[in-house]
């Protein structure tokens, strides 16, 4: 179970800050969209996963950037 506080903004609206542990466990990142569903018992927050291909490609690019030298070496070994 996670707890958080609704923070007031200058324009009178509110911002809900989610704990890092929750973001990690739900595989959420800054900029992800959430659907808010109002029920008799409260609210349901549901991630909108319309960009799973885009997220996968970004993750692949991150790995390729991080391990570029090793991947280049592996590619030359495969061609020998």
N, C-alpha and C. Protein backbone atom coordinates (compact mmCIF):
# COMPACT_ATOMS: atom_id res chain seq x y z
N UNK A 1 0.85 -1.18 0.00
CA UNK A 1 0.00 0.00 0.00
C UNK A 1 0.88 1.24 0.00
N UNK A 2 0.50 2.22 -0.78
CA UNK A 2 1.24 3.46 -0.88
C UNK A 2 0.36 4.61 -0.42
N UNK A 3 0.98 5.63 0.16
CA UNK A 3 0.27 6.84 0.54
C UNK A 3 0.90 8.02 -0.17
N UNK A 4 0.08 9.01 -0.49
CA UNK A 4 0.58 10.24 -1.09
C UNK A 4 -0.34 11.38 -0.69
N UNK A 5 0.04 12.58 -1.01
CA UNK A 5 -0.72 13.78 -0.66
C UNK A 5 -1.05 14.56 -1.92
N UNK A 6 -2.23 15.12 -1.98
CA UNK A 6 -2.61 16.00 -3.07
C UNK A 6 -2.02 17.38 -2.79
N UNK A 7 -1.24 17.90 -3.73
CA UNK A 7 -0.58 19.19 -3.56
C UNK A 7 -1.31 20.26 -4.36
N UNK A 8 -1.55 21.40 -3.73
CA UNK A 8 -2.21 22.51 -4.40
C UNK A 8 -1.27 23.27 -5.31
N UNK A 9 -1.79 23.68 -6.45
CA UNK A 9 -1.01 24.48 -7.40
C UNK A 9 -1.54 25.91 -7.39
N UNK A 10 -0.74 26.82 -7.94
CA UNK A 10 -1.09 28.24 -7.93
C UNK A 10 -2.43 28.55 -8.60
N UNK A 11 -2.80 27.75 -9.61
CA UNK A 11 -4.04 28.02 -10.33
C UNK A 11 -5.27 27.40 -9.66
N UNK A 12 -5.10 26.83 -8.48
CA UNK A 12 -6.21 26.24 -7.76
C UNK A 12 -6.42 24.76 -8.04
N UNK A 13 -5.72 24.22 -9.02
CA UNK A 13 -5.82 22.79 -9.29
C UNK A 13 -4.89 22.03 -8.34
N UNK A 14 -4.91 20.74 -8.45
CA UNK A 14 -4.08 19.92 -7.58
C UNK A 14 -3.20 18.99 -8.37
N UNK A 15 -2.13 18.55 -7.75
CA UNK A 15 -1.19 17.60 -8.36
C UNK A 15 -0.99 16.44 -7.42
N UNK A 16 -1.08 15.26 -7.96
CA UNK A 16 -0.88 14.04 -7.19
C UNK A 16 0.51 13.50 -7.50
N UNK A 17 1.35 13.41 -6.48
CA UNK A 17 2.70 12.89 -6.66
C UNK A 17 2.70 11.41 -6.29
N UNK A 18 3.19 10.57 -7.19
CA UNK A 18 3.24 9.14 -6.94
C UNK A 18 4.63 8.75 -6.46
N UNK A 19 4.71 7.89 -5.45
CA UNK A 19 6.02 7.47 -4.94
C UNK A 19 6.83 6.72 -6.00
N UNK A 20 8.14 6.88 -5.97
CA UNK A 20 9.05 6.23 -6.92
C UNK A 20 8.82 4.73 -6.94
N UNK A 21 8.62 4.12 -5.77
CA UNK A 21 8.42 2.67 -5.69
C UNK A 21 7.19 2.24 -6.49
N UNK A 22 6.14 3.05 -6.45
CA UNK A 22 4.92 2.74 -7.19
C UNK A 22 5.16 2.87 -8.69
N UNK A 23 5.85 3.95 -9.09
CA UNK A 23 6.16 4.13 -10.51
C UNK A 23 6.97 2.95 -11.03
N UNK A 24 7.96 2.53 -10.25
CA UNK A 24 8.80 1.41 -10.66
C UNK A 24 8.00 0.12 -10.75
N UNK A 25 7.16 -0.15 -9.76
CA UNK A 25 6.42 -1.41 -9.75
C UNK A 25 5.39 -1.48 -10.87
N UNK A 26 4.90 -0.32 -11.32
CA UNK A 26 3.91 -0.28 -12.40
C UNK A 26 4.54 0.02 -13.76
N UNK A 27 5.88 0.13 -13.79
CA UNK A 27 6.61 0.45 -15.01
C UNK A 27 6.09 1.75 -15.63
N UNK A 28 5.93 2.78 -14.79
CA UNK A 28 5.49 4.10 -15.24
C UNK A 28 6.67 5.05 -15.27
N UNK A 29 6.63 5.98 -16.20
CA UNK A 29 7.68 6.98 -16.33
C UNK A 29 7.04 8.36 -16.41
N UNK A 30 7.83 9.38 -16.10
CA UNK A 30 7.34 10.74 -16.22
C UNK A 30 6.89 10.96 -17.66
N UNK A 31 5.70 11.51 -17.82
CA UNK A 31 5.14 11.76 -19.14
C UNK A 31 4.11 10.72 -19.56
N UNK A 32 4.07 9.57 -18.85
CA UNK A 32 3.05 8.56 -19.16
C UNK A 32 1.67 9.11 -18.83
N UNK A 33 0.68 8.65 -19.56
CA UNK A 33 -0.70 9.09 -19.32
C UNK A 33 -1.43 8.08 -18.45
N UNK A 34 -2.29 8.61 -17.57
CA UNK A 34 -3.13 7.78 -16.72
C UNK A 34 -4.58 8.12 -16.98
N UNK A 35 -5.41 7.10 -17.04
CA UNK A 35 -6.86 7.29 -17.12
C UNK A 35 -7.38 7.35 -15.68
N UNK A 36 -8.24 8.31 -15.37
CA UNK A 36 -8.82 8.44 -14.04
C UNK A 36 -10.29 8.02 -14.12
N UNK A 37 -10.63 7.00 -13.34
CA UNK A 37 -11.99 6.47 -13.34
C UNK A 37 -12.59 6.73 -11.96
N UNK A 38 -13.70 7.43 -11.94
CA UNK A 38 -14.39 7.73 -10.68
C UNK A 38 -15.38 6.60 -10.39
N UNK A 39 -15.31 6.06 -9.16
CA UNK A 39 -16.23 5.00 -8.73
C UNK A 39 -16.92 5.45 -7.45
N UNK A 40 -17.89 4.67 -7.00
CA UNK A 40 -18.55 4.97 -5.73
C UNK A 40 -17.58 4.89 -4.55
N UNK A 41 -16.53 4.05 -4.69
CA UNK A 41 -15.56 3.86 -3.61
C UNK A 41 -14.36 4.79 -3.69
N UNK A 42 -14.21 5.53 -4.76
CA UNK A 42 -13.06 6.42 -4.91
C UNK A 42 -12.63 6.53 -6.35
N UNK A 43 -11.31 6.50 -6.57
CA UNK A 43 -10.74 6.66 -7.90
C UNK A 43 -9.93 5.44 -8.29
N UNK A 44 -9.89 5.18 -9.57
CA UNK A 44 -9.00 4.17 -10.12
C UNK A 44 -8.10 4.88 -11.12
N UNK A 45 -6.79 4.70 -10.97
CA UNK A 45 -5.83 5.23 -11.93
C UNK A 45 -5.35 4.07 -12.78
N UNK A 46 -5.49 4.20 -14.09
CA UNK A 46 -5.12 3.11 -15.00
C UNK A 46 -4.18 3.67 -16.06
N UNK A 47 -2.99 3.07 -16.21
CA UNK A 47 -2.08 3.53 -17.26
C UNK A 47 -2.69 3.35 -18.65
N UNK A 48 -2.45 4.30 -19.52
CA UNK A 48 -2.86 4.20 -20.91
C UNK A 48 -1.62 3.72 -21.67
N UNK A 49 -1.69 2.51 -22.19
CA UNK A 49 -0.53 1.86 -22.81
C UNK A 49 -0.63 1.85 -24.34
N UNK A 50 -0.95 2.98 -24.94
CA UNK A 50 -1.08 3.03 -26.39
C UNK A 50 0.25 3.13 -27.11
N UNK A 51 1.33 3.31 -26.37
CA UNK A 51 2.63 3.50 -27.01
C UNK A 51 3.62 2.40 -26.64
N UNK A 52 3.15 1.17 -26.46
CA UNK A 52 4.07 0.12 -26.02
C UNK A 52 5.19 -0.10 -27.04
N UNK A 53 4.88 -0.02 -28.34
CA UNK A 53 5.91 -0.17 -29.36
C UNK A 53 6.96 0.94 -29.22
N UNK A 54 6.48 2.16 -29.04
CA UNK A 54 7.38 3.30 -28.90
C UNK A 54 8.26 3.14 -27.66
N UNK A 55 7.69 2.69 -26.55
CA UNK A 55 8.47 2.49 -25.32
C UNK A 55 9.51 1.40 -25.52
N UNK A 56 9.13 0.33 -26.22
CA UNK A 56 10.07 -0.76 -26.46
C UNK A 56 11.23 -0.29 -27.34
N UNK A 57 10.92 0.50 -28.35
CA UNK A 57 11.98 1.01 -29.22
C UNK A 57 12.90 1.96 -28.46
N UNK A 58 12.34 2.79 -27.60
CA UNK A 58 13.17 3.69 -26.78
C UNK A 58 14.07 2.90 -25.84
N UNK A 59 13.53 1.84 -25.25
CA UNK A 59 14.33 0.99 -24.36
C UNK A 59 15.44 0.32 -25.14
N UNK A 60 15.14 -0.16 -26.35
CA UNK A 60 16.16 -0.81 -27.18
C UNK A 60 17.26 0.19 -27.55
N UNK A 61 16.86 1.43 -27.89
CA UNK A 61 17.87 2.45 -28.23
C UNK A 61 18.75 2.76 -27.03
N UNK A 62 18.16 2.82 -25.84
CA UNK A 62 18.94 3.07 -24.63
C UNK A 62 19.99 1.98 -24.42
N UNK A 63 19.59 0.73 -24.60
CA UNK A 63 20.53 -0.39 -24.44
C UNK A 63 21.62 -0.30 -25.50
N UNK A 64 21.24 -0.03 -26.75
CA UNK A 64 22.23 0.06 -27.82
C UNK A 64 23.21 1.21 -27.58
N UNK A 65 22.72 2.33 -27.07
CA UNK A 65 23.60 3.46 -26.76
C UNK A 65 24.55 3.10 -25.62
N UNK A 66 24.03 2.45 -24.61
CA UNK A 66 24.83 2.11 -23.43
C UNK A 66 25.91 1.10 -23.76
N UNK A 67 25.60 0.14 -24.63
CA UNK A 67 26.54 -0.95 -24.92
C UNK A 67 27.03 -0.91 -26.36
N UNK A 68 27.16 0.30 -26.91
CA UNK A 68 27.54 0.45 -28.31
C UNK A 68 28.85 -0.24 -28.64
N UNK A 69 29.87 -0.04 -27.83
CA UNK A 69 31.18 -0.62 -28.11
C UNK A 69 31.12 -2.15 -28.10
N UNK A 70 30.44 -2.71 -27.12
CA UNK A 70 30.34 -4.16 -27.03
C UNK A 70 29.54 -4.73 -28.21
N UNK A 71 28.49 -4.05 -28.61
CA UNK A 71 27.69 -4.51 -29.74
C UNK A 71 28.47 -4.44 -31.05
N UNK A 72 29.29 -3.40 -31.20
CA UNK A 72 30.13 -3.30 -32.40
C UNK A 72 31.12 -4.46 -32.45
N UNK A 73 31.72 -4.76 -31.30
CA UNK A 73 32.68 -5.86 -31.24
C UNK A 73 31.99 -7.19 -31.57
N UNK A 74 30.81 -7.40 -31.02
CA UNK A 74 30.07 -8.63 -31.31
C UNK A 74 29.73 -8.73 -32.79
N UNK A 75 29.39 -7.61 -33.41
CA UNK A 75 29.02 -7.65 -34.82
C UNK A 75 30.23 -8.01 -35.69
N UNK A 76 31.41 -7.55 -35.31
CA UNK A 76 32.61 -7.91 -36.09
C UNK A 76 32.95 -9.39 -35.88
N UNK A 77 32.72 -9.92 -34.70
CA UNK A 77 32.97 -11.34 -34.45
C UNK A 77 32.02 -12.20 -35.26
N UNK A 78 30.79 -11.76 -35.40
CA UNK A 78 29.78 -12.53 -36.15
C UNK A 78 30.10 -12.56 -37.63
N UNK A 79 30.80 -11.54 -38.13
CA UNK A 79 31.12 -11.48 -39.55
C UNK A 79 32.42 -12.20 -39.90
N UNK A 80 33.16 -12.66 -38.90
CA UNK A 80 34.43 -13.37 -39.15
C UNK A 80 34.20 -14.81 -39.52
